[in-house]
Amino acid sequence: MKVSFALGIALSLAALAAGFVSLFWTPYDVTALAIADKLQPSSPAHWLGTDHFGRDIASMLMAGAQTSLAVALVAVGIGMGLGVPLGLLAAANRGSLIDEIVMRGNDLIFAFPSLVIAILITAVFGPSAVNAILAIGIFNIPVFARVTRGGALSLWTLDYIRAAEVAGKGRVRISAEHVLPNILNLLIVQGTIQFSLGILAEAGLSYVGLGAQPPTPSWGRMLAEAQTMVTLAPHVALFPGLAIVLTVLGLNLLGDGLRDHLDPRLRREA
């Protein structure tokens, strides 16, 4: 196992463990204010110090991991759940009106970044974690549709797919039984990448106030609240920033390792 892959697994598991443990326990209550203890540096009582409200930063990071990971995971699930069937449908009907509609629809969504989609959604329904999930999930749909279509098209020209057609199997059945299992490696790797991008997107949306709302902790909002105190108490911004960087780095390394492991061509080269 490569060192980078092992590091990716370790960082990803650390973020997942922090988010999971925060469901049941955090060192301090993340909703309790202690103004008398505000902006304290790292100490045995508060491992990573406190913020401008006296809240324990370590506890906030643990609870923020729960928010960021949940938003990114559900958003990737939405992208996969809708994008993969659309990609398979487009590949099975290459060059047809269905293929054209799917691909032009993807182009339309790509024309609006997730931040713009989030602004449109929150203008109607208001800012929240649910609306951030919708915005990121909608943006993920064309990503998975394109990856699925590209991988599936390379399979539709192979002999065993043609044999299945001659045997009388329909295109939907062939897509489900023969095409999808053989592109799962692509989808797993892309899912890992989109997961890391989802965490970045959630942090960005929360930073501008369109993500999870108080009192729900969020890494992006922690950064936004700390930006005016960087010179006074740099640890308030440092630790949320490190949490985002290390989690995204870990997921990217994990995705690279999975790609190397799942792609037989790369395994042979190694």
Protein backbone atom coordinates (compact mmCIF):
# COMPACT_ATOMS: atom_id res chain seq x y z
CA MET A 1 0.00 0.00 0.00
CA LYS A 2 1.38 3.40 -0.99
CA VAL A 3 2.16 5.89 1.76
CA SER A 4 -0.14 8.48 0.16
CA PHE A 5 -3.02 5.98 0.06
CA ALA A 6 -2.47 5.03 3.70
CA LEU A 7 -2.35 8.72 4.65
CA GLY A 8 -5.58 9.34 2.74
CA ILE A 9 -7.30 6.50 4.58
CA ALA A 10 -6.04 7.77 7.95
CA LEU A 11 -7.14 11.38 7.38
CA SER A 12 -10.52 10.33 5.98
CA LEU A 13 -11.18 7.95 8.87
CA ALA A 14 -10.15 10.62 11.38
CA ALA A 15 -12.72 13.06 9.94
CA LEU A 16 -15.41 10.38 9.84
CA ALA A 17 -14.62 9.30 13.40
CA ALA A 18 -14.80 12.89 14.67
CA GLY A 19 -18.17 13.41 13.04
CA PHE A 20 -19.52 10.08 14.30
CA VAL A 21 -18.32 10.55 17.88
CA SER A 22 -19.83 14.04 17.95
CA LEU A 23 -23.26 12.45 17.55
CA PHE A 24 -22.91 11.12 21.09
CA TRP A 25 -20.19 13.16 22.80
CA THR A 26 -18.12 16.32 22.56
CA PRO A 27 -15.76 17.69 25.25
CA TYR A 28 -18.07 20.69 25.75
CA ASP A 29 -21.58 21.66 24.75
CA VAL A 30 -21.26 23.43 21.38
CA THR A 31 -24.34 25.58 22.05
CA ALA A 32 -23.22 26.82 25.49
CA LEU A 33 -21.67 30.29 25.62
CA ALA A 34 -18.92 31.22 28.11
CA ILE A 35 -17.99 34.81 27.34
CA ALA A 36 -15.59 34.93 30.30
CA ASP A 37 -13.48 32.23 28.59
CA LYS A 38 -13.45 33.78 25.10
CA LEU A 39 -10.39 33.62 22.81
CA GLN A 40 -8.35 31.45 25.14
CA PRO A 41 -5.30 29.74 23.58
CA SER A 42 -4.73 25.99 23.65
CA SER A 43 -4.67 24.58 27.18
CA PRO A 44 -5.36 21.30 29.01
CA ALA A 45 -8.94 22.46 29.56
CA HIS A 46 -9.46 23.50 25.93
CA TRP A 47 -7.12 21.56 23.64
CA LEU A 48 -7.53 23.92 20.68
CA GLY A 49 -8.59 27.03 22.61
CA THR A 50 -11.92 28.85 22.54
CA ASP A 51 -13.66 31.18 20.10
CA HIS A 52 -15.09 34.67 20.58
CA PHE A 53 -18.12 33.23 22.40
CA GLY A 54 -16.01 31.07 24.71
CA ARG A 55 -17.03 27.86 22.93
CA ASP A 56 -14.53 25.01 22.84
CA ILE A 57 -13.02 24.88 19.33
CA ALA A 58 -12.26 21.15 19.47
CA SER A 59 -15.94 20.46 20.21
CA MET A 60 -17.00 22.83 17.43
CA LEU A 61 -14.70 21.07 14.95
CA MET A 62 -16.09 17.66 15.88
CA ALA A 63 -19.68 18.82 15.46
CA GLY A 64 -18.73 20.75 12.31
CA ALA A 65 -17.32 17.54 10.82
CA GLN A 66 -20.74 15.99 11.26
CA THR A 67 -22.37 18.84 9.33
CA SER A 68 -19.80 18.99 6.51
CA LEU A 69 -19.61 15.24 5.98
CA ALA A 70 -23.38 14.77 6.10
CA VAL A 71 -24.03 17.57 3.59
CA ALA A 72 -21.32 16.30 1.21
CA LEU A 73 -22.40 12.66 1.52
CA VAL A 74 -26.08 13.31 0.84
CA ALA A 75 -25.20 15.67 -2.03
CA VAL A 76 -23.01 13.00 -3.62
CA GLY A 77 -25.84 10.51 -3.13
CA ILE A 78 -28.21 12.82 -5.00
CA GLY A 79 -25.67 13.29 -7.80
CA MET A 80 -25.07 9.55 -8.12
CA GLY A 81 -28.71 8.56 -7.76
CA LEU A 82 -29.81 10.80 -10.63
CA GLY A 83 -26.64 11.25 -12.68
CA VAL A 84 -25.73 7.56 -13.11
CA PRO A 85 -29.13 6.49 -14.57
CA LEU A 86 -29.09 9.52 -16.89
CA GLY A 87 -25.58 8.68 -18.05
CA LEU A 88 -26.51 5.05 -18.69
CA LEU A 89 -29.64 6.16 -20.56
CA ALA A 90 -27.66 8.56 -22.74
CA ALA A 91 -24.99 5.96 -23.53
CA ALA A 92 -27.56 3.30 -24.40
CA ASN A 93 -29.18 5.74 -26.84
CA ARG A 94 -26.06 7.39 -28.24
CA GLY A 95 -26.80 9.93 -30.96
CA SER A 96 -30.54 9.90 -30.32
CA LEU A 97 -32.81 12.69 -29.12
CA ILE A 98 -32.65 11.23 -25.60
CA ASP A 99 -28.85 11.48 -25.58
CA GLU A 100 -29.02 15.05 -26.85
CA ILE A 101 -31.57 16.11 -24.21
CA VAL A 102 -29.53 14.59 -21.38
CA MET A 103 -26.25 16.14 -22.48
CA ARG A 104 -27.71 19.59 -23.17
CA GLY A 105 -29.41 19.46 -19.77
CA ASN A 106 -26.01 18.73 -18.23
CA ASP A 107 -24.53 21.72 -20.05
CA LEU A 108 -27.32 23.91 -18.69
CA ILE A 109 -26.60 22.90 -15.09
CA PHE A 110 -22.85 23.32 -15.61
CA ALA A 111 -23.52 26.90 -16.67
CA PHE A 112 -24.55 27.70 -13.07
CA PRO A 113 -21.95 27.00 -10.34
CA SER A 114 -23.18 25.51 -7.07
CA LEU A 115 -22.93 28.93 -5.38
CA VAL A 116 -25.28 30.48 -7.94
CA ILE A 117 -27.69 27.55 -7.62
CA ALA A 118 -27.55 27.95 -3.83
CA ILE A 119 -28.36 31.65 -4.12
CA LEU A 120 -31.36 30.86 -6.32
CA ILE A 121 -32.60 28.17 -3.93
CA THR A 122 -32.07 30.23 -0.78
CA ALA A 123 -33.75 33.25 -2.39
CA VAL A 124 -36.91 31.15 -2.49
CA PHE A 125 -36.62 28.86 0.53
CA GLY A 126 -34.06 30.61 2.75
CA PRO A 127 -30.52 29.54 3.77
CA SER A 128 -30.14 26.14 5.44
CA ALA A 129 -28.10 22.94 5.33
CA VAL A 130 -30.89 21.24 3.36
CA ASN A 131 -30.74 23.88 0.65
CA ALA A 132 -26.96 23.59 0.55
CA ILE A 133 -27.40 19.85 -0.03
CA LEU A 134 -29.81 20.56 -2.88
CA ALA A 135 -27.45 23.05 -4.50
CA ILE A 136 -24.40 20.78 -4.30
CA GLY A 137 -26.43 17.71 -5.25
CA ILE A 138 -27.89 19.35 -8.34
CA PHE A 139 -24.39 20.38 -9.45
CA ASN A 140 -23.18 16.78 -8.97
CA ILE A 141 -25.80 15.31 -11.31
CA PRO A 142 -24.13 16.30 -14.61
CA VAL A 143 -20.71 15.29 -13.24
CA PHE A 144 -21.83 11.71 -12.66
CA ALA A 145 -23.90 11.68 -15.84
CA ARG A 146 -20.86 12.60 -17.95
CA VAL A 147 -18.53 10.14 -16.21
CA THR A 148 -21.11 7.36 -16.53
CA ARG A 149 -21.83 8.10 -20.18
CA GLY A 150 -18.14 8.26 -21.06
CA GLY A 151 -17.37 4.96 -19.34
CA ALA A 152 -20.46 3.25 -20.74
CA LEU A 153 -19.84 4.32 -24.34
CA SER A 154 -16.50 2.52 -24.36
CA LEU A 155 -18.27 -0.69 -23.35
CA TRP A 156 -21.14 -0.58 -25.84
CA THR A 157 -18.69 -1.33 -28.67
CA LEU A 158 -17.32 -4.52 -27.07
CA ASP A 159 -18.17 -8.00 -28.29
CA TYR A 160 -19.85 -9.27 -25.13
CA ILE A 161 -22.28 -6.34 -25.20
CA ARG A 162 -23.10 -7.10 -28.82
CA ALA A 163 -23.58 -10.75 -27.90
CA ALA A 164 -26.05 -9.74 -25.20
CA GLU A 165 -27.97 -7.69 -27.77
CA VAL A 166 -28.04 -10.65 -30.17
CA ALA A 167 -29.31 -12.83 -27.31
CA GLY A 168 -32.33 -10.54 -27.11
CA LYS A 169 -31.53 -8.54 -23.99
CA GLY A 170 -32.91 -4.99 -23.95
CA ARG A 171 -30.75 -1.93 -23.52
CA VAL A 172 -31.98 -1.29 -19.98
CA ARG A 173 -31.12 -4.84 -18.92
CA ILE A 174 -27.72 -4.69 -20.61
CA SER A 175 -26.98 -1.38 -18.88
CA ALA A 176 -27.89 -2.82 -15.48
CA GLU A 177 -26.29 -6.27 -15.84
CA HIS A 178 -23.22 -5.64 -17.99
CA VAL A 179 -22.39 -1.95 -18.25
CA LEU A 180 -22.91 -0.63 -14.72
CA PRO A 181 -20.85 -3.32 -12.91
CA ASN A 182 -17.92 -2.64 -15.23
CA ILE A 183 -17.84 1.12 -14.59
CA LEU A 184 -18.30 0.95 -10.83
CA ASN A 185 -14.58 1.61 -10.34
CA LEU A 186 -14.94 4.91 -12.21
CA LEU A 187 -17.98 5.86 -10.16
CA ILE A 188 -16.34 5.01 -6.83
CA VAL A 189 -13.30 7.13 -7.61
CA GLN A 190 -15.44 10.01 -8.90
CA GLY A 191 -17.67 9.73 -5.84
CA THR A 192 -14.63 10.13 -3.57
CA ILE A 193 -13.51 13.20 -5.51
CA GLN A 194 -16.97 14.75 -5.44
CA PHE A 195 -17.18 14.02 -1.72
CA SER A 196 -14.08 16.15 -1.11
CA LEU A 197 -15.40 18.88 -3.42
CA GLY A 198 -18.72 18.72 -1.57
CA ILE A 199 -16.96 19.49 1.71
CA LEU A 200 -15.28 22.48 0.08
CA ALA A 201 -18.59 23.62 -1.41
CA GLU A 202 -20.39 23.29 1.93
CA ALA A 203 -17.65 25.28 3.65
CA GLY A 204 -17.89 27.97 0.97
CA LEU A 205 -21.68 28.19 1.20
CA SER A 206 -21.55 28.37 5.00
CA TYR A 207 -18.82 31.01 4.78
CA VAL A 208 -21.16 33.32 2.85
CA GLY A 209 -24.12 32.45 5.08
CA LEU A 210 -25.99 30.11 2.71
CA GLY A 211 -25.24 26.83 4.48
CA ALA A 212 -26.03 25.49 7.94
CA GLN A 213 -27.41 28.20 10.20
CA PRO A 214 -26.60 28.90 13.88
CA PRO A 215 -26.45 27.19 16.29
CA THR A 216 -25.45 24.25 14.03
CA PRO A 217 -21.62 24.24 13.87
CA SER A 218 -19.98 24.47 10.45
CA TRP A 219 -16.33 24.73 9.47
CA GLY A 220 -17.10 27.38 6.86
CA ARG A 221 -19.03 29.58 9.27
CA MET A 222 -16.30 29.18 11.89
CA LEU A 223 -13.88 30.65 9.35
CA ALA A 224 -16.27 33.47 8.52
CA GLU A 225 -16.70 34.37 12.18
CA ALA A 226 -12.95 34.24 12.77
CA GLN A 227 -11.84 36.44 9.88
CA THR A 228 -11.95 39.64 11.93
CA MET A 229 -9.92 38.07 14.75
CA VAL A 230 -7.02 36.55 12.81
CA THR A 231 -4.44 38.96 14.24
CA LEU A 232 -5.90 38.87 17.75
CA ALA A 233 -6.44 35.10 18.05
CA PRO A 234 -5.11 33.27 14.97
CA HIS A 235 -6.00 29.84 16.38
CA VAL A 236 -9.70 30.62 15.89
CA ALA A 237 -9.21 30.59 12.11
CA LEU A 238 -6.26 28.19 11.96
CA PHE A 239 -7.94 25.04 13.22
CA PRO A 240 -11.13 25.16 11.08
CA GLY A 241 -8.95 25.88 8.06
CA LEU A 242 -6.71 22.92 8.87
CA ALA A 243 -9.76 20.69 9.34
CA ILE A 244 -11.00 21.55 5.84
CA VAL A 245 -7.55 21.21 4.23
CA LEU A 246 -6.67 17.89 5.89
CA THR A 247 -10.09 16.33 5.22
CA VAL A 248 -10.09 17.35 1.56
CA LEU A 249 -6.45 16.24 1.20
CA GLY A 250 -7.26 12.89 2.77
CA LEU A 251 -10.21 12.27 0.47
CA ASN A 252 -8.20 13.25 -2.61
CA LEU A 253 -5.37 10.90 -1.63
CA LEU A 254 -7.95 8.21 -0.97
CA GLY A 255 -9.47 8.77 -4.41
CA ASP A 256 -6.06 8.58 -6.09
CA GLY A 257 -5.27 5.37 -4.23
CA LEU A 258 -8.61 3.81 -5.15
CA ARG A 259 -8.06 4.75 -8.79
CA ASP A 260 -4.66 3.07 -8.79
CA HIS A 261 -6.08 0.00 -7.06
CA LEU A 262 -9.25 -0.41 -9.10
CA ASP A 263 -7.84 0.37 -12.56
CA PRO A 264 -6.22 -2.85 -13.90
CA ARG A 265 -4.01 -0.87 -16.31
CA LEU A 266 -2.50 1.15 -13.47
CA ARG A 267 -2.05 -2.03 -11.39
CA ARG A 268 -0.05 -3.60 -14.22
CA GLU A 269 2.13 -0.50 -14.58
CA ALA A 270 2.83 -0.54 -10.84
